[in-house]
Amino acid sequence: MRIKIWEIGRCKPWNECKTNPNSLLISAMASVTTSLSFGITASTTYETSPYALARKFSTLDHLTQGRVGWNIVTSFLDSAAKAYGMDEQIPHDERYARADEYMELTYKLWEGTWRDGAVVKDPKTGVYSNPNQVRAIEHNGKYFKSTAASQLPASKQRTPLLFQAGASS
């Protein structure tokens, strides 16, 4: 089986395309396809909340039935920093330290909150999940602080496909 990844909104070599946020289009496209997967580029520098990003990818992972992936980037352009209200880009080593912690927290949310068997779906009792099988994670790091449980049950693979295209500076 041959897999092709098409990234919506990328227009190399020009990189001047005007597009809508690709995550908004994916649920619509996934509903009318069965063999197409979707890769979303999201920056650990500018997607400010690992919780919000984990929640977005979990939602898309469920809606696409496991056909979504995250192209993890840290971003390196000063123009991007300025667009997000910063005077300049975060220095390289700090950007990557922040990215490591970002990934640590998203993994905790995807892998650590809903245990196997947490979803009950009992129509007789009206119980959807066993609260003893869903736990909040605690994270108190240098860049992020969070006490939360993922609001969505784990998908079949728990963590969406993760990839990095490379070529970072």
C-alpha atoms as a PDB file:
ATOM      1  CA  MET A   1       0.000   0.000   0.000  1.00  0.00           C
ATOM      2  CA  ARG A   2       1.388   3.367  -0.982  1.00  0.00           C
ATOM      3  CA  ILE A   3       0.663   6.366   1.214  1.00  0.00           C
ATOM      4  CA  LYS A   4       0.823   9.926  -0.018  1.00  0.00           C
ATOM      5  CA  ILE A   5       0.657  12.840   2.355  1.00  0.00           C
ATOM      6  CA  TRP A   6      -0.758  16.043   0.939  1.00  0.00           C
ATOM      7  CA  GLU A   7      -0.519  19.025   3.163  1.00  0.00           C
ATOM      8  CA  ILE A   8      -3.301  21.545   2.668  1.00  0.00           C
ATOM      9  CA  GLY A   9      -2.136  25.105   2.415  1.00  0.00           C
ATOM     10  CA  ARG A  10       1.466  24.488   1.442  1.00  0.00           C
ATOM     11  CA  CYS A  11       2.473  26.073  -1.845  1.00  0.00           C
ATOM     12  CA  LYS A  12       6.168  25.405  -2.151  1.00  0.00           C
ATOM     13  CA  PRO A  13       8.326  26.885  -3.505  1.00  0.00           C
ATOM     14  CA  TRP A  14       6.405  30.142  -3.309  1.00  0.00           C
ATOM     15  CA  ASN A  15       4.888  29.841   0.191  1.00  0.00           C
ATOM     16  CA  GLU A  16       2.600  32.796  -0.409  1.00  0.00           C
ATOM     17  CA  CYS A  17      -0.712  30.986  -0.645  1.00  0.00           C
ATOM     18  CA  LYS A  18      -3.719  32.395   1.119  1.00  0.00           C
ATOM     19  CA  THR A  19      -5.623  29.535   2.718  1.00  0.00           C
ATOM     20  CA  ASN A  20      -8.144  28.895   5.430  1.00  0.00           C
ATOM     21  CA  PRO A  21      -6.981  27.173   8.599  1.00  0.00           C
ATOM     22  CA  ASN A  22      -6.661  23.619   7.318  1.00  0.00           C
ATOM     23  CA  SER A  23      -7.986  21.948  10.468  1.00  0.00           C
ATOM     24  CA  LEU A  24     -11.400  23.472   9.779  1.00  0.00           C
ATOM     25  CA  LEU A  25     -11.595  21.768   6.384  1.00  0.00           C
ATOM     26  CA  ILE A  26     -10.457  18.326   7.423  1.00  0.00           C
ATOM     27  CA  SER A  27     -13.611  17.144   9.172  1.00  0.00           C
ATOM     28  CA  ALA A  28     -15.643  18.005   6.056  1.00  0.00           C
ATOM     29  CA  MET A  29     -13.215  16.275   3.702  1.00  0.00           C
ATOM     30  CA  ALA A  30     -12.909  13.233   5.968  1.00  0.00           C
ATOM     31  CA  SER A  31     -16.674  12.770   5.958  1.00  0.00           C
ATOM     32  CA  VAL A  32     -16.675  12.183   2.198  1.00  0.00           C
ATOM     33  CA  THR A  33     -13.473  10.133   1.874  1.00  0.00           C
ATOM     34  CA  THR A  34     -12.268   6.853   3.292  1.00  0.00           C
ATOM     35  CA  SER A  35      -8.695   6.470   2.035  1.00  0.00           C
ATOM     36  CA  LEU A  36      -7.323   9.988   2.350  1.00  0.00           C
ATOM     37  CA  SER A  37      -5.223  11.001   5.346  1.00  0.00           C
ATOM     38  CA  PHE A  38      -4.539  14.540   6.480  1.00  0.00           C
ATOM     39  CA  GLY A  39      -1.408  16.222   7.809  1.00  0.00           C
ATOM     40  CA  ILE A  40      -1.662  19.478   9.725  1.00  0.00           C
ATOM     41  CA  THR A  41       1.313  21.693  10.424  1.00  0.00           C
ATOM     42  CA  ALA A  42       1.118  23.226  13.888  1.00  0.00           C
ATOM     43  CA  SER A  43       3.847  25.122  15.669  1.00  0.00           C
ATOM     44  CA  THR A  44       4.795  24.357  19.258  1.00  0.00           C
ATOM     45  CA  THR A  45       5.884  27.990  19.445  1.00  0.00           C
ATOM     46  CA  TYR A  46       2.610  29.637  18.410  1.00  0.00           C
ATOM     47  CA  GLU A  47      -0.069  27.087  19.258  1.00  0.00           C
ATOM     48  CA  THR A  48       0.014  28.467  22.775  1.00  0.00           C
ATOM     49  CA  SER A  49      -1.876  25.741  24.634  1.00  0.00           C
ATOM     50  CA  PRO A  50      -0.808  22.094  24.454  1.00  0.00           C
ATOM     51  CA  TYR A  51      -4.195  21.226  25.986  1.00  0.00           C
ATOM     52  CA  ALA A  52      -6.098  23.007  23.196  1.00  0.00           C
ATOM     53  CA  LEU A  53      -3.936  21.463  20.501  1.00  0.00           C
ATOM     54  CA  ALA A  54      -4.240  17.953  21.987  1.00  0.00           C
ATOM     55  CA  ARG A  55      -8.008  18.426  22.123  1.00  0.00           C
ATOM     56  CA  LYS A  56      -8.163  19.614  18.499  1.00  0.00           C
ATOM     57  CA  PHE A  57      -6.094  16.677  17.250  1.00  0.00           C
ATOM     58  CA  SER A  58      -8.076  14.196  19.362  1.00  0.00           C
ATOM     59  CA  THR A  59     -11.309  15.514  17.871  1.00  0.00           C
ATOM     60  CA  LEU A  60      -9.937  15.227  14.339  1.00  0.00           C
ATOM     61  CA  ASP A  61      -8.482  11.795  15.090  1.00  0.00           C
ATOM     62  CA  HIS A  62     -11.959  10.577  16.049  1.00  0.00           C
ATOM     63  CA  LEU A  63     -13.713  12.303  13.125  1.00  0.00           C
ATOM     64  CA  THR A  64     -11.231  10.967  10.566  1.00  0.00           C
ATOM     65  CA  GLN A  65     -11.077   7.515  12.178  1.00  0.00           C
ATOM     66  CA  GLY A  66      -7.331   7.774  12.676  1.00  0.00           C
ATOM     67  CA  ARG A  67      -6.450   9.541   9.435  1.00  0.00           C
ATOM     68  CA  VAL A  68      -4.892  12.721  10.825  1.00  0.00           C
ATOM     69  CA  GLY A  69      -1.289  13.562  11.562  1.00  0.00           C
ATOM     70  CA  TRP A  70       0.615  16.452  13.070  1.00  0.00           C
ATOM     71  CA  ASN A  71       3.610  17.930  11.288  1.00  0.00           C
ATOM     72  CA  ILE A  72       5.451  19.261  14.330  1.00  0.00           C
ATOM     73  CA  VAL A  73       7.365  22.481  13.781  1.00  0.00           C
ATOM     74  CA  THR A  74       8.892  25.088  16.066  1.00  0.00           C
ATOM     75  CA  SER A  75       8.811  27.894  13.465  1.00  0.00           C
ATOM     76  CA  PHE A  76      11.900  29.944  12.751  1.00  0.00           C
ATOM     77  CA  LEU A  77      10.903  33.141  10.946  1.00  0.00           C
ATOM     78  CA  ASP A  78      10.939  36.534  12.619  1.00  0.00           C
ATOM     79  CA  SER A  79       7.920  37.439  10.484  1.00  0.00           C
ATOM     80  CA  ALA A  80       5.937  34.665  12.205  1.00  0.00           C
ATOM     81  CA  ALA A  81       7.033  35.925  15.623  1.00  0.00           C
ATOM     82  CA  LYS A  82       5.903  39.445  14.719  1.00  0.00           C
ATOM     83  CA  ALA A  83       2.563  38.155  13.414  1.00  0.00           C
ATOM     84  CA  TYR A  84       1.960  36.573  16.834  1.00  0.00           C
ATOM     85  CA  GLY A  85       2.849  39.743  18.727  1.00  0.00           C
ATOM     86  CA  MET A  86       6.502  39.132  19.513  1.00  0.00           C
ATOM     87  CA  ASP A  87       9.354  41.462  18.641  1.00  0.00           C
ATOM     88  CA  GLU A  88      11.561  38.627  17.441  1.00  0.00           C
ATOM     89  CA  GLN A  89      11.769  34.861  17.251  1.00  0.00           C
ATOM     90  CA  ILE A  90      12.483  32.903  20.442  1.00  0.00           C
ATOM     91  CA  PRO A  91      16.149  31.788  20.388  1.00  0.00           C
ATOM     92  CA  HIS A  92      16.742  28.334  18.874  1.00  0.00           C
ATOM     93  CA  ASP A  93      17.694  26.397  22.026  1.00  0.00           C
ATOM     94  CA  GLU A  94      14.851  27.863  24.068  1.00  0.00           C
ATOM     95  CA  ARG A  95      12.381  27.199  21.233  1.00  0.00           C
ATOM     96  CA  TYR A  96      13.380  23.533  21.210  1.00  0.00           C
ATOM     97  CA  ALA A  97      13.308  23.244  25.016  1.00  0.00           C
ATOM     98  CA  ARG A  98       9.791  24.701  24.894  1.00  0.00           C
ATOM     99  CA  ALA A  99       8.863  22.235  22.133  1.00  0.00           C
ATOM    100  CA  ASP A 100      10.116  19.289  24.221  1.00  0.00           C
ATOM    101  CA  GLU A 101       7.911  20.325  27.127  1.00  0.00           C
ATOM    102  CA  TYR A 102       4.987  20.971  24.752  1.00  0.00           C
ATOM    103  CA  MET A 103       5.297  17.425  23.433  1.00  0.00           C
ATOM    104  CA  GLU A 104       5.617  15.997  26.956  1.00  0.00           C
ATOM    105  CA  LEU A 105       2.320  17.602  27.953  1.00  0.00           C
ATOM    106  CA  THR A 106       0.430  16.569  24.800  1.00  0.00           C
ATOM    107  CA  TYR A 107       1.640  12.980  25.292  1.00  0.00           C
ATOM    108  CA  LYS A 108       0.425  13.043  28.899  1.00  0.00           C
ATOM    109  CA  LEU A 109      -3.013  14.155  27.718  1.00  0.00           C
ATOM    110  CA  TRP A 110      -3.264  11.612  24.890  1.00  0.00           C
ATOM    111  CA  GLU A 111      -1.702   8.645  26.656  1.00  0.00           C
ATOM    112  CA  GLY A 112      -2.383   9.202  30.328  1.00  0.00           C
ATOM    113  CA  THR A 113      -5.940  10.324  30.937  1.00  0.00           C
ATOM    114  CA  TRP A 114      -8.318   7.695  29.523  1.00  0.00           C
ATOM    115  CA  ARG A 115      -7.426   4.155  30.500  1.00  0.00           C
ATOM    116  CA  ASP A 116      -8.423   1.146  28.436  1.00  0.00           C
ATOM    117  CA  GLY A 117     -12.008   0.240  29.284  1.00  0.00           C
ATOM    118  CA  ALA A 118     -12.927   3.739  30.464  1.00  0.00           C
ATOM    119  CA  VAL A 119     -15.699   4.033  27.873  1.00  0.00           C
ATOM    120  CA  VAL A 120     -18.718   2.025  29.035  1.00  0.00           C
ATOM    121  CA  LYS A 121     -21.566   3.295  26.786  1.00  0.00           C
ATOM    122  CA  ASP A 122     -24.290   1.616  28.819  1.00  0.00           C
ATOM    123  CA  PRO A 123     -27.679   2.728  27.457  1.00  0.00           C
ATOM    124  CA  LYS A 124     -29.574   1.112  30.330  1.00  0.00           C
ATOM    125  CA  THR A 125     -27.842   3.153  33.017  1.00  0.00           C
ATOM    126  CA  GLY A 126     -27.010   6.159  30.843  1.00  0.00           C
ATOM    127  CA  VAL A 127     -23.356   5.868  31.823  1.00  0.00           C
ATOM    128  CA  TYR A 128     -20.880   6.817  29.110  1.00  0.00           C
ATOM    129  CA  SER A 129     -17.641   6.375  30.986  1.00  0.00           C
ATOM    130  CA  ASN A 130     -16.269   5.007  34.218  1.00  0.00           C
ATOM    131  CA  PRO A 131     -14.867   8.023  36.103  1.00  0.00           C
ATOM    132  CA  ASN A 132     -12.429   5.758  37.951  1.00  0.00           C
ATOM    133  CA  GLN A 133     -10.777   5.057  34.599  1.00  0.00           C
ATOM    134  CA  VAL A 134     -10.351   8.729  33.637  1.00  0.00           C
ATOM    135  CA  ARG A 135      -7.747  10.710  35.480  1.00  0.00           C
ATOM    136  CA  ALA A 136      -6.400  14.219  35.382  1.00  0.00           C
ATOM    137  CA  ILE A 137      -2.743  14.740  34.669  1.00  0.00           C
ATOM    138  CA  GLU A 138      -0.590  17.209  36.540  1.00  0.00           C
ATOM    139  CA  HIS A 139       2.043  19.163  34.669  1.00  0.00           C
ATOM    140  CA  ASN A 140       4.034  21.991  36.170  1.00  0.00           C
ATOM    141  CA  GLY A 141       6.940  22.851  33.891  1.00  0.00           C
ATOM    142  CA  LYS A 142       9.041  25.834  32.971  1.00  0.00           C
ATOM    143  CA  TYR A 143       6.787  26.834  30.058  1.00  0.00           C
ATOM    144  CA  PHE A 144       3.444  25.156  30.735  1.00  0.00           C
ATOM    145  CA  LYS A 145       1.229  24.353  33.683  1.00  0.00           C
ATOM    146  CA  SER A 146      -1.856  22.161  33.394  1.00  0.00           C
ATOM    147  CA  THR A 147      -4.122  20.075  35.577  1.00  0.00           C
ATOM    148  CA  ALA A 148      -6.635  18.415  33.308  1.00  0.00           C
ATOM    149  CA  ALA A 149      -8.010  15.257  31.811  1.00  0.00           C
ATOM    150  CA  SER A 150      -8.496  14.986  28.106  1.00  0.00           C
ATOM    151  CA  GLN A 151     -12.169  15.661  27.471  1.00  0.00           C
ATOM    152  CA  LEU A 152     -12.267  13.089  24.704  1.00  0.00           C
ATOM    153  CA  PRO A 153     -11.813   9.368  25.137  1.00  0.00           C
ATOM    154  CA  ALA A 154      -8.678   7.952  23.598  1.00  0.00           C
ATOM    155  CA  SER A 155      -8.857   7.096  19.913  1.00  0.00           C
ATOM    156  CA  LYS A 156      -7.822   3.613  18.813  1.00  0.00           C
ATOM    157  CA  GLN A 157      -4.190   4.638  18.504  1.00  0.00           C
ATOM    158  CA  ARG A 158      -4.386   7.232  21.329  1.00  0.00           C
ATOM    159  CA  THR A 159      -1.819   9.567  19.758  1.00  0.00           C
ATOM    160  CA  PRO A 160      -2.318  10.835  16.210  1.00  0.00           C
ATOM    161  CA  LEU A 161       0.425  10.191  13.669  1.00  0.00           C
ATOM    162  CA  LEU A 162       3.332  12.514  14.464  1.00  0.00           C
ATOM    163  CA  PHE A 163       5.908  13.597  11.911  1.00  0.00           C
ATOM    164  CA  GLN A 164       8.476  16.279  11.287  1.00  0.00           C
ATOM    165  CA  ALA A 165       9.491  17.330   7.817  1.00  0.00           C
ATOM    166  CA  GLY A 166      12.947  18.480   8.924  1.00  0.00           C
ATOM    167  CA  ALA A 167      14.977  21.417   7.568  1.00  0.00           C
ATOM    168  CA  SER A 168      14.828  23.464  10.738  1.00  0.00           C
ATOM    169  CA  SER A 169      17.266  26.118  11.794  1.00  0.00           C
END
